[in-house]
C-alpha atoms as a PDB file:
ATOM      1  CA  MET A   1       0.000   0.000   0.000  1.00  0.00           C
ATOM      2  CA  HIS A   2       1.160   3.550  -0.684  1.00  0.00           C
ATOM      3  CA  LEU A   3      -0.250   7.037  -0.906  1.00  0.00           C
ATOM      4  CA  ASP A   4      -0.484   7.766  -4.642  1.00  0.00           C
ATOM      5  CA  LEU A   5      -1.802  11.336  -4.908  1.00  0.00           C
ATOM      6  CA  VAL A   6      -2.540  14.389  -2.794  1.00  0.00           C
ATOM      7  CA  THR A   7      -4.848  17.065  -4.179  1.00  0.00           C
ATOM      8  CA  LEU A   8      -3.451  20.581  -4.237  1.00  0.00           C
ATOM      9  CA  VAL A   9      -5.948  23.336  -5.046  1.00  0.00           C
ATOM     10  CA  VAL A  10      -4.289  25.929  -7.288  1.00  0.00           C
ATOM     11  CA  PRO A  11      -5.513  29.044  -9.093  1.00  0.00           C
ATOM     12  CA  ASP A  12      -4.198  28.021 -12.528  1.00  0.00           C
ATOM     13  CA  TYR A  13      -3.002  24.737 -14.032  1.00  0.00           C
ATOM     14  CA  ASP A  14      -0.168  26.153 -16.143  1.00  0.00           C
ATOM     15  CA  GLU A  15       1.287  28.307 -13.359  1.00  0.00           C
ATOM     16  CA  ALA A  16       1.260  25.305 -11.024  1.00  0.00           C
ATOM     17  CA  VAL A  17       2.887  23.029 -13.622  1.00  0.00           C
ATOM     18  CA  GLU A  18       5.641  25.612 -14.212  1.00  0.00           C
ATOM     19  CA  PHE A  19       6.375  25.848 -10.482  1.00  0.00           C
ATOM     20  CA  PHE A  20       6.516  22.105  -9.907  1.00  0.00           C
ATOM     21  CA  ARG A  21       8.425  21.310 -13.108  1.00  0.00           C
ATOM     22  CA  ASP A  22      10.772  24.285 -13.434  1.00  0.00           C
ATOM     23  CA  VAL A  23      11.432  25.200  -9.796  1.00  0.00           C
ATOM     24  CA  LEU A  24      11.047  21.962  -7.844  1.00  0.00           C
ATOM     25  CA  GLY A  25      12.146  19.631 -10.651  1.00  0.00           C
ATOM     26  CA  PHE A  26       9.029  17.453 -10.620  1.00  0.00           C
ATOM     27  CA  VAL A  27       7.894  15.493 -13.667  1.00  0.00           C
ATOM     28  CA  VAL A  28       4.522  16.036 -15.316  1.00  0.00           C
ATOM     29  CA  ALA A  29       3.187  12.479 -15.176  1.00  0.00           C
ATOM     30  CA  GLU A  30      -0.254  13.198 -16.623  1.00  0.00           C
ATOM     31  CA  ASP A  31      -1.984  16.167 -18.241  1.00  0.00           C
ATOM     32  CA  ALA A  32      -5.231  15.251 -19.956  1.00  0.00           C
ATOM     33  CA  PRO A  33      -8.653  16.772 -20.585  1.00  0.00           C
ATOM     34  CA  ALA A  34     -11.336  15.702 -18.122  1.00  0.00           C
ATOM     35  CA  THR A  35     -14.743  16.840 -16.948  1.00  0.00           C
ATOM     36  CA  THR A  36     -16.186  17.859 -13.599  1.00  0.00           C
ATOM     37  CA  ASN A  37     -18.980  15.847 -11.992  1.00  0.00           C
ATOM     38  CA  ASP A  38     -21.476  18.179 -13.654  1.00  0.00           C
ATOM     39  CA  GLY A  39     -19.849  17.933 -17.114  1.00  0.00           C
ATOM     40  CA  ARG A  40     -17.732  21.090 -17.280  1.00  0.00           C
ATOM     41  CA  PRO A  41     -14.240  20.850 -18.784  1.00  0.00           C
ATOM     42  CA  LYS A  42     -11.180  20.596 -16.557  1.00  0.00           C
ATOM     43  CA  ARG A  43      -7.756  18.947 -16.708  1.00  0.00           C
ATOM     44  CA  TRP A  44      -6.334  15.926 -14.910  1.00  0.00           C
ATOM     45  CA  VAL A  45      -2.825  17.133 -14.063  1.00  0.00           C
ATOM     46  CA  VAL A  46      -0.463  14.999 -11.990  1.00  0.00           C
ATOM     47  CA  VAL A  47       3.097  15.937 -11.062  1.00  0.00           C
ATOM     48  CA  ARG A  48       5.521  13.628  -9.280  1.00  0.00           C
ATOM     49  CA  PRO A  49       9.060  13.825  -7.957  1.00  0.00           C
ATOM     50  CA  PRO A  50      11.647  12.356 -10.335  1.00  0.00           C
ATOM     51  CA  GLY A  51      11.815   8.612  -9.843  1.00  0.00           C
ATOM     52  CA  GLY A  52       8.206   8.357  -8.681  1.00  0.00           C
ATOM     53  CA  GLY A  53       6.634   8.549  -5.286  1.00  0.00           C
ATOM     54  CA  THR A  54       3.549  10.343  -4.081  1.00  0.00           C
ATOM     55  CA  GLY A  55       2.325  12.873  -6.606  1.00  0.00           C
ATOM     56  CA  PHE A  56       0.142  15.937  -6.573  1.00  0.00           C
ATOM     57  CA  LEU A  57      -3.145  16.165  -8.416  1.00  0.00           C
ATOM     58  CA  LEU A  58      -3.212  19.841  -9.368  1.00  0.00           C
ATOM     59  CA  ALA A  59      -6.847  20.901  -9.098  1.00  0.00           C
ATOM     60  CA  ARG A  60      -7.848  24.332 -10.364  1.00  0.00           C
ATOM     61  CA  ALA A  61     -10.015  26.044  -7.753  1.00  0.00           C
ATOM     62  CA  ASP A  62     -13.675  25.842  -8.714  1.00  0.00           C
ATOM     63  CA  GLY A  63     -16.026  28.148  -6.849  1.00  0.00           C
ATOM     64  CA  PRO A  64     -15.654  30.512  -3.899  1.00  0.00           C
ATOM     65  CA  ALA A  65     -15.005  27.852  -1.238  1.00  0.00           C
ATOM     66  CA  GLN A  66     -12.073  26.362  -3.167  1.00  0.00           C
ATOM     67  CA  VAL A  67     -10.691  29.763  -4.194  1.00  0.00           C
ATOM     68  CA  ALA A  68     -10.650  30.727  -0.498  1.00  0.00           C
ATOM     69  CA  ARG A  69      -8.473  27.692   0.293  1.00  0.00           C
ATOM     70  CA  VAL A  70      -5.769  28.263  -2.312  1.00  0.00           C
ATOM     71  CA  GLY A  71      -2.513  28.691  -0.423  1.00  0.00           C
ATOM     72  CA  ASP A  72      -4.008  28.039   2.989  1.00  0.00           C
ATOM     73  CA  GLN A  73      -5.114  24.433   2.975  1.00  0.00           C
ATOM     74  CA  THR A  74      -3.710  23.842   6.478  1.00  0.00           C
ATOM     75  CA  GLY A  75      -4.485  27.123   8.218  1.00  0.00           C
ATOM     76  CA  GLY A  76      -1.009  28.639   7.888  1.00  0.00           C
ATOM     77  CA  ARG A  77       1.050  25.613   8.966  1.00  0.00           C
ATOM     78  CA  VAL A  78       3.817  24.141   6.869  1.00  0.00           C
ATOM     79  CA  THR A  79       1.904  21.884   4.515  1.00  0.00           C
ATOM     80  CA  PHE A  80       4.531  19.986   2.532  1.00  0.00           C
ATOM     81  CA  PHE A  81       7.967  18.577   3.329  1.00  0.00           C
ATOM     82  CA  LEU A  82      10.283  18.189   0.352  1.00  0.00           C
ATOM     83  CA  ARG A  83      13.298  15.998   1.169  1.00  0.00           C
ATOM     84  CA  VAL A  84      16.234  16.466  -1.234  1.00  0.00           C
ATOM     85  CA  ASP A  85      19.684  14.904  -1.495  1.00  0.00           C
ATOM     86  CA  ASP A  86      21.318  18.089  -2.840  1.00  0.00           C
ATOM     87  CA  PHE A  87      20.109  20.849  -0.547  1.00  0.00           C
ATOM     88  CA  GLY A  88      22.395  23.485  -2.088  1.00  0.00           C
ATOM     89  CA  ALA A  89      21.120  22.939  -5.629  1.00  0.00           C
ATOM     90  CA  ALA A  90      17.471  22.926  -4.536  1.00  0.00           C
ATOM     91  CA  TYR A  91      18.012  26.050  -2.446  1.00  0.00           C
ATOM     92  CA  GLU A  92      19.637  27.850  -5.399  1.00  0.00           C
ATOM     93  CA  ARG A  93      16.684  26.923  -7.664  1.00  0.00           C
ATOM     94  CA  LEU A  94      14.316  28.530  -5.151  1.00  0.00           C
ATOM     95  CA  VAL A  95      16.440  31.683  -4.954  1.00  0.00           C
ATOM     96  CA  ALA A  96      16.858  31.913  -8.754  1.00  0.00           C
ATOM     97  CA  ALA A  97      13.083  31.596  -9.215  1.00  0.00           C
ATOM     98  CA  GLY A  98      12.409  34.384  -6.713  1.00  0.00           C
ATOM     99  CA  ILE A  99      10.543  32.076  -4.335  1.00  0.00           C
ATOM    100  CA  GLU A 100       9.873  33.657  -0.931  1.00  0.00           C
ATOM    101  CA  LEU A 101      12.157  32.205   1.740  1.00  0.00           C
ATOM    102  CA  VAL A 102      10.733  32.336   5.264  1.00  0.00           C
ATOM    103  CA  GLY A 103      13.454  32.779   7.863  1.00  0.00           C
ATOM    104  CA  PRO A 104      17.044  31.591   7.584  1.00  0.00           C
ATOM    105  CA  VAL A 105      18.437  28.179   6.719  1.00  0.00           C
ATOM    106  CA  ARG A 106      18.740  26.254   9.944  1.00  0.00           C
ATOM    107  CA  GLU A 107      20.007  22.960  11.240  1.00  0.00           C
ATOM    108  CA  GLU A 108      17.525  20.692  12.998  1.00  0.00           C
ATOM    109  CA  PRO A 109      18.042  17.164  14.338  1.00  0.00           C
ATOM    110  CA  TYR A 110      16.235  15.831  11.250  1.00  0.00           C
ATOM    111  CA  GLY A 111      18.336  17.800   8.724  1.00  0.00           C
ATOM    112  CA  THR A 112      19.054  21.138   7.125  1.00  0.00           C
ATOM    113  CA  LEU A 113      15.872  23.162   6.713  1.00  0.00           C
ATOM    114  CA  GLN A 114      14.623  26.139   4.717  1.00  0.00           C
ATOM    115  CA  VAL A 115      10.978  27.157   4.933  1.00  0.00           C
ATOM    116  CA  PHE A 116       9.584  28.664   1.739  1.00  0.00           C
ATOM    117  CA  ARG A 117       6.248  29.858   0.409  1.00  0.00           C
ATOM    118  CA  ASP A 118       5.111  28.550  -2.967  1.00  0.00           C
ATOM    119  CA  PRO A 119       3.572  30.964  -5.502  1.00  0.00           C
ATOM    120  CA  PHE A 120       0.090  30.066  -4.217  1.00  0.00           C
ATOM    121  CA  GLY A 121       0.823  30.800  -0.528  1.00  0.00           C
ATOM    122  CA  ASN A 122       1.457  27.302   0.880  1.00  0.00           C
ATOM    123  CA  LEU A 123       4.372  26.872   3.273  1.00  0.00           C
ATOM    124  CA  TRP A 124       6.919  24.125   2.568  1.00  0.00           C
ATOM    125  CA  ASP A 125       9.988  22.760   4.349  1.00  0.00           C
ATOM    126  CA  LEU A 126      12.941  22.112   2.048  1.00  0.00           C
ATOM    127  CA  LEU A 127      14.839  19.379   3.912  1.00  0.00           C
ATOM    128  CA  GLY A 128      18.354  18.194   3.180  1.00  0.00           C
ATOM    129  CA  PRO A 129      20.904  16.110   5.035  1.00  0.00           C
ATOM    130  CA  TYR A 130      22.134  17.567   8.302  1.00  0.00           C
ATOM    131  CA  GLY A 131      25.079  19.973   8.077  1.00  0.00           C
ATOM    132  CA  VAL A 132      24.777  21.179   4.466  1.00  0.00           C
ATOM    133  CA  GLY A 133      23.037  24.554   4.958  1.00  0.00           C
ATOM    134  CA  GLU A 134      24.233  27.903   3.684  1.00  0.00           C
ATOM    135  CA  GLU A 135      26.889  29.562   5.817  1.00  0.00           C
END
């Protein structure tokens, strides 16, 4: 058993794909036309980390309740934890893309950590091996 997908409500499919693909280095696993339960057009967009693992179903916000949750699906807590082998390279991709960094790089017992905010407002932890943070 494994967790296959997590839904992430986003304002726009293409903007979300660009962030996951170009900034985080995810792979677009699926991008196909689909329809809502009431027959309106939408897309089925799945992004996954390279090599597989749990993916995100990118769901464009539909209606006021979903729009209100974009970027705040967990009430302001860090929502996602992205573990990387090369912390320095991932950190530099965030900086080069102009992604908002929240606080300094820090060392925690579970690894090197940088909190960042994605373009939609969600907080993430970028996690690397212990002792590899920026000086």
